[in-house]
Amino acid sequence: MADISKLSIAADQDEPTPEKKPGYSMTTPGPRISQPMARDITTDFSAAASALNTGQLVKDEYFTLFEAVGALEIMDPKMDSGFLNPGETLEDDYDVLRELLPEEVLGIMDQMLCYEVS
């Protein structure tokens, strides 16, 4: 079991002291203006991800089984209804205006009756 305390990306980030925060003075009370601080987390993320074993999942309390199954469906040919294999298209090759043989019409009617009964 991996130690998940290493997974916190912000654990090593120091909270700026009031003197370092813009718009805040130690002598005069004033509005506290917080500005976002952007930084590259690629190496931190890679280190945190390497602490996980195969099959482990880190999630928050809002990530449910429904979202997990939805995430697994993407790009899976059996689960993703919009996935197309290379060379496949959504266009039908069937000509609906062509003449049908009597056997084909009976076959279609038989199949529709089976659907209706079941």
Protein backbone atom coordinates (compact mmCIF):
# COMPACT_ATOMS: atom_id res chain seq x y z
CA MET A 1 0.00 0.00 0.00
CA ALA A 2 1.45 3.34 -1.05
CA ASP A 3 1.81 6.26 1.30
CA ILE A 4 -0.74 8.70 -0.08
CA SER A 5 0.57 11.61 1.97
CA LYS A 6 3.16 12.06 -0.79
CA LEU A 7 0.37 12.70 -3.31
CA SER A 8 -0.36 16.23 -2.15
CA ILE A 9 1.11 18.56 -4.71
CA ALA A 10 0.72 21.66 -2.54
CA ALA A 11 2.28 20.12 0.58
CA ASP A 12 5.67 21.70 -0.06
CA GLN A 13 4.28 25.09 -1.04
CA ASP A 14 4.78 27.69 1.67
CA GLU A 15 1.88 29.99 2.52
CA PRO A 16 3.06 33.53 1.89
CA THR A 17 3.41 35.64 4.99
CA PRO A 18 1.28 38.79 5.30
CA GLU A 19 4.28 40.95 4.39
CA LYS A 20 4.61 39.12 1.07
CA LYS A 21 0.95 39.29 0.13
CA PRO A 22 0.09 42.12 -2.26
CA GLY A 23 -2.36 44.69 -0.96
CA TYR A 24 -1.77 43.83 2.71
CA SER A 25 0.08 45.97 5.17
CA MET A 26 1.11 44.96 8.69
CA THR A 27 0.55 48.49 10.01
CA THR A 28 -2.73 49.42 8.38
CA PRO A 29 -5.59 46.99 8.13
CA GLY A 30 -6.90 46.73 4.62
CA PRO A 31 -8.50 44.41 2.18
CA ARG A 32 -6.78 41.12 1.69
CA ILE A 33 -6.26 40.65 -2.03
CA SER A 34 -5.36 37.14 -3.08
CA GLN A 35 -3.89 36.63 -6.50
CA PRO A 36 -3.49 33.25 -8.16
CA MET A 37 0.03 31.93 -8.35
CA ALA A 38 0.75 29.73 -11.36
CA ARG A 39 3.53 27.19 -11.36
CA ASP A 40 4.49 24.11 -13.36
CA ILE A 41 3.43 20.96 -11.49
CA THR A 42 4.57 18.41 -14.08
CA THR A 43 7.43 16.99 -12.01
CA ASP A 44 5.36 17.05 -8.80
CA PHE A 45 2.50 15.27 -10.56
CA SER A 46 4.80 12.65 -12.07
CA ALA A 47 6.37 11.98 -8.66
CA ALA A 48 2.96 11.68 -7.01
CA ALA A 49 1.67 9.37 -9.76
CA SER A 50 4.72 7.11 -9.46
CA ALA A 51 3.81 6.55 -5.78
CA LEU A 52 0.62 4.77 -6.88
CA ASN A 53 0.53 1.06 -7.56
CA THR A 54 -1.24 -0.35 -10.61
CA GLY A 55 -4.98 -0.29 -10.04
CA GLN A 56 -4.94 2.33 -7.28
CA LEU A 57 -7.12 5.42 -7.59
CA VAL A 58 -6.97 8.78 -5.88
CA LYS A 59 -10.34 10.51 -5.84
CA ASP A 60 -12.30 13.17 -4.05
CA GLU A 61 -15.63 12.67 -2.29
CA TYR A 62 -17.59 13.73 -5.40
CA PHE A 63 -16.07 11.12 -7.73
CA THR A 64 -18.59 8.27 -7.75
CA LEU A 65 -18.78 4.88 -9.39
CA PHE A 66 -20.93 6.43 -12.14
CA GLU A 67 -18.12 8.79 -13.18
CA ALA A 68 -15.57 5.98 -12.96
CA VAL A 69 -17.55 3.75 -15.31
CA GLY A 70 -18.09 6.69 -17.67
CA ALA A 71 -14.36 7.32 -17.77
CA LEU A 72 -13.68 3.67 -18.61
CA GLU A 73 -16.09 3.75 -21.55
CA ILE A 74 -14.13 6.34 -23.52
CA MET A 75 -12.28 4.83 -26.51
CA ASP A 76 -13.35 1.27 -25.59
CA PRO A 77 -14.90 -0.26 -28.74
CA LYS A 78 -17.36 -2.34 -26.70
CA MET A 79 -18.44 0.48 -24.35
CA ASP A 80 -18.08 3.75 -26.27
CA SER A 81 -21.06 4.19 -28.58
CA GLY A 82 -19.25 6.89 -30.59
CA PHE A 83 -16.00 4.97 -31.09
CA LEU A 84 -15.17 4.12 -34.70
CA ASN A 85 -12.45 1.73 -35.76
CA PRO A 86 -10.05 2.97 -38.45
CA GLY A 87 -11.86 2.93 -41.79
CA GLU A 88 -15.36 2.91 -40.26
CA THR A 89 -17.86 5.65 -40.99
CA LEU A 90 -21.32 6.53 -39.75
CA GLU A 91 -22.69 6.38 -43.29
CA ASP A 92 -24.91 3.41 -44.20
CA ASP A 93 -24.15 1.50 -47.39
CA TYR A 94 -27.72 0.21 -47.65
CA ASP A 95 -29.91 1.63 -50.43
CA VAL A 96 -33.42 2.01 -49.02
CA LEU A 97 -34.89 2.70 -52.47
CA ARG A 98 -33.85 -0.59 -54.10
CA GLU A 99 -36.43 -3.23 -54.99
CA LEU A 100 -36.67 -6.12 -52.52
CA LEU A 101 -37.27 -9.75 -53.34
CA PRO A 102 -40.42 -11.29 -51.82
CA GLU A 103 -38.22 -13.46 -49.56
CA GLU A 104 -36.50 -10.34 -48.21
CA VAL A 105 -39.83 -8.64 -47.50
CA LEU A 106 -41.07 -11.76 -45.68
CA GLY A 107 -37.82 -11.93 -43.72
CA ILE A 108 -38.20 -8.29 -42.60
CA MET A 109 -41.83 -8.85 -41.64
CA ASP A 110 -40.90 -12.03 -39.73
CA GLN A 111 -38.16 -10.19 -37.83
CA MET A 112 -40.55 -7.33 -36.97
CA LEU A 113 -43.12 -9.84 -35.69
CA CYS A 114 -40.45 -11.47 -33.51
CA TYR A 115 -39.57 -8.04 -32.04
CA GLU A 116 -43.27 -7.32 -31.44
CA VAL A 117 -43.90 -10.64 -29.65
CA SER A 118 -40.84 -10.39 -27.42
